[in-house]
């Protein structure tokens, strides 16, 4: 009399565990597929995308971001403080923008990066907070655009205006 209900209960628990196990496996497969999809998107994104921690150290970076910093592989910059690559005249602006983003605000800033090769590039950076969860700590997601050509064009235009003004004011 006691064995029958216990056996039925055991079978029900085992079936429920099997269903939950299958659902968990399906969720893992979906999560892996989604992660691969996002990784592919980041790899082909033409703008630099990086994730930094509270100390501005690089956690993740995409290939376009590596190109901005003149590094061939993410491993060359992961763990490094991004502020070390920002031109010293722009460093305080970058650090303030990162701190604001880490505290929960979206931020836009501009400045200059000095890559590993020593090449100077102008950048425009949009940063947003990334909240943490059980597996990750809070961080900052930044998208960097290389605006060097735009800055050079602006500089050429200013120079052309200055030359035109001097020529217009000259008597001969």
Protein backbone atom coordinates (compact mmCIF):
# COMPACT_ATOMS: atom_id res chain seq x y z
CA UNK A 1 0.00 0.00 0.00
CA UNK A 2 2.85 2.41 0.78
CA UNK A 3 5.15 1.25 -2.03
CA UNK A 4 2.69 2.10 -4.86
CA UNK A 5 2.31 5.85 -4.05
CA UNK A 6 6.04 6.17 -3.32
CA UNK A 7 6.87 4.54 -6.64
CA UNK A 8 4.45 6.86 -8.45
CA UNK A 9 5.99 9.88 -6.66
CA UNK A 10 9.50 8.73 -7.60
CA UNK A 11 8.53 8.31 -11.26
CA UNK A 12 6.87 11.76 -11.30
CA UNK A 13 9.95 13.41 -9.76
CA UNK A 14 12.26 11.66 -12.22
CA UNK A 15 10.13 12.75 -15.21
CA UNK A 16 10.01 16.33 -13.95
CA UNK A 17 13.81 16.32 -13.49
CA UNK A 18 14.27 14.98 -17.03
CA UNK A 19 12.03 17.72 -18.46
CA UNK A 20 13.89 20.41 -16.50
CA UNK A 21 17.24 18.96 -17.62
CA UNK A 22 16.11 19.05 -21.29
CA UNK A 23 14.87 22.63 -20.92
CA UNK A 24 18.17 23.64 -19.33
CA UNK A 25 20.12 22.04 -22.17
CA UNK A 26 17.97 23.89 -24.73
CA UNK A 27 18.53 27.17 -22.89
CA UNK A 28 22.30 26.57 -22.89
CA UNK A 29 22.28 25.83 -26.62
CA UNK A 30 20.24 28.98 -27.28
CA UNK A 31 22.60 31.05 -25.10
CA UNK A 32 25.68 29.68 -26.91
CA UNK A 33 24.13 30.40 -30.32
CA UNK A 34 23.23 33.91 -29.19
CA UNK A 35 26.76 34.46 -27.87
CA UNK A 36 28.26 33.33 -31.20
CA UNK A 37 25.89 35.66 -33.06
CA UNK A 38 26.88 38.64 -30.89
CA UNK A 39 30.58 37.76 -31.24
CA UNK A 40 30.23 37.71 -35.04
CA UNK A 41 28.51 41.10 -34.98
CA UNK A 42 31.31 42.58 -32.86
CA UNK A 43 34.00 41.13 -35.12
CA UNK A 44 32.58 42.79 -38.23
CA UNK A 45 31.59 46.09 -36.55
CA UNK A 46 33.66 48.85 -38.22
CA UNK A 47 33.93 50.92 -35.04
CA UNK A 48 35.99 50.03 -32.03
CA UNK A 49 34.02 48.39 -29.24
CA UNK A 50 35.57 47.77 -25.86
CA UNK A 51 34.47 46.83 -22.37
CA UNK A 52 36.43 48.22 -19.44
CA UNK A 53 36.27 47.63 -15.71
CA UNK A 54 36.13 50.17 -12.88
CA UNK A 55 39.90 50.75 -13.18
CA UNK A 56 39.60 51.42 -16.96
CA UNK A 57 41.34 48.09 -17.77
CA UNK A 58 40.24 46.46 -21.01
CA UNK A 59 38.13 43.34 -20.48
CA UNK A 60 37.07 42.80 -24.11
CA UNK A 61 37.83 44.50 -27.42
CA UNK A 62 36.83 43.88 -31.03
CA UNK A 63 39.19 43.84 -34.07
CA UNK A 64 38.33 47.44 -35.04
CA UNK A 65 39.23 48.52 -31.51
CA UNK A 66 42.53 46.67 -31.80
CA UNK A 67 43.24 48.63 -35.00
CA UNK A 68 42.62 51.94 -33.22
CA UNK A 69 45.16 51.03 -30.56
CA UNK A 70 47.61 49.59 -33.14
CA UNK A 71 47.53 46.13 -31.58
CA UNK A 72 47.31 42.96 -33.63
CA UNK A 73 45.54 40.80 -31.09
CA UNK A 74 43.16 41.54 -28.20
CA UNK A 75 45.55 39.79 -25.80
CA UNK A 76 48.03 42.66 -26.32
CA UNK A 77 45.68 45.16 -24.70
CA UNK A 78 43.34 43.13 -22.46
CA UNK A 79 44.15 44.00 -18.86
CA UNK A 80 45.77 47.34 -19.79
CA UNK A 81 44.50 50.71 -18.59
CA UNK A 82 43.04 52.57 -21.59
CA UNK A 83 44.06 55.90 -20.04
CA UNK A 84 47.67 54.98 -20.81
CA UNK A 85 46.83 55.18 -24.52
CA UNK A 86 44.93 58.48 -24.29
CA UNK A 87 46.99 61.60 -25.04
CA UNK A 88 48.03 63.26 -21.77
CA UNK A 89 46.17 66.50 -22.65
CA UNK A 90 42.91 64.52 -23.09
CA UNK A 91 43.39 62.00 -20.28
CA UNK A 92 41.42 63.86 -17.60
CA UNK A 93 38.44 64.23 -19.97
CA UNK A 94 38.55 60.50 -20.73
CA UNK A 95 38.86 59.54 -17.06
CA UNK A 96 35.90 61.78 -16.10
CA UNK A 97 33.79 60.31 -18.93
CA UNK A 98 34.63 56.76 -17.86
CA UNK A 99 33.79 57.52 -14.23
CA UNK A 100 30.45 59.04 -15.26
CA UNK A 101 29.61 56.02 -17.41
CA UNK A 102 30.57 53.65 -14.60
CA UNK A 103 28.22 55.56 -12.28
CA UNK A 104 25.32 55.02 -14.67
CA UNK A 105 25.31 57.87 -17.19
CA UNK A 106 25.77 57.73 -20.96
CA UNK A 107 28.70 59.90 -21.99
CA UNK A 108 30.21 61.27 -25.21
CA UNK A 109 33.78 62.56 -25.31
CA UNK A 110 36.54 63.29 -27.83
CA UNK A 111 40.28 63.06 -27.59
CA UNK A 112 43.44 61.59 -29.02
CA UNK A 113 44.82 58.08 -28.76
CA UNK A 114 48.45 57.15 -29.10
CA UNK A 115 48.70 53.61 -30.45
CA UNK A 116 51.51 51.16 -29.79
CA UNK A 117 53.25 52.36 -32.98
CA UNK A 118 53.16 55.94 -31.68
CA UNK A 119 50.60 57.03 -34.27
CA UNK A 120 48.21 59.68 -32.98
CA UNK A 121 44.49 59.31 -33.81
CA UNK A 122 41.52 61.46 -32.90
CA UNK A 123 38.58 59.53 -31.48
CA UNK A 124 35.00 60.14 -30.47
CA UNK A 125 33.77 57.80 -27.76
CA UNK A 126 30.29 56.98 -26.54
CA UNK A 127 30.23 55.11 -23.24
CA UNK A 128 27.36 53.47 -21.39
CA UNK A 129 27.22 51.47 -18.16
CA UNK A 130 26.98 47.67 -18.25
CA UNK A 131 25.39 46.42 -15.03
CA UNK A 132 26.85 43.33 -13.45
CA UNK A 133 25.16 40.06 -12.55
CA UNK A 134 26.15 36.84 -10.77
CA UNK A 135 28.93 36.04 -13.26
CA UNK A 136 30.16 39.54 -14.15
CA UNK A 137 31.04 42.75 -12.38
CA UNK A 138 29.71 46.14 -13.50
CA UNK A 139 31.67 47.58 -16.41
CA UNK A 140 31.57 50.21 -19.15
CA UNK A 141 30.82 49.58 -22.83
CA UNK A 142 32.47 52.11 -25.14
CA UNK A 143 32.18 52.60 -28.89
CA UNK A 144 35.12 54.48 -30.42
CA UNK A 145 35.04 56.12 -33.82
CA UNK A 146 38.22 57.24 -35.57
CA UNK A 147 37.61 60.89 -36.47
CA UNK A 148 41.19 61.67 -37.52
CA UNK A 149 40.25 62.42 -41.14
CA UNK A 150 37.42 64.69 -40.00
CA UNK A 151 39.79 66.61 -37.70
CA UNK A 152 42.39 66.90 -40.48
CA UNK A 153 39.71 68.24 -42.87
CA UNK A 154 38.62 70.80 -40.27
CA UNK A 155 42.24 71.87 -39.77
CA UNK A 156 42.74 72.23 -43.56
CA UNK A 157 39.56 74.28 -43.84
CA UNK A 158 40.65 76.62 -41.02
CA UNK A 159 44.04 77.03 -42.70
CA UNK A 160 42.39 77.81 -46.04
CA UNK A 161 40.18 80.45 -44.40
CA UNK A 162 43.20 82.02 -42.70
CA UNK A 163 45.14 82.14 -45.98
CA UNK A 164 42.12 83.58 -47.83
CA UNK A 165 41.72 86.26 -45.14
CA UNK A 166 45.39 87.23 -45.35
CA UNK A 167 45.21 87.40 -49.16
CA UNK A 168 42.00 89.48 -49.05
CA UNK A 169 43.56 91.97 -46.65
CA UNK A 170 46.85 92.23 -48.58
CA UNK A 171 47.28 95.35 -50.73
CA UNK A 172 49.35 93.61 -53.39
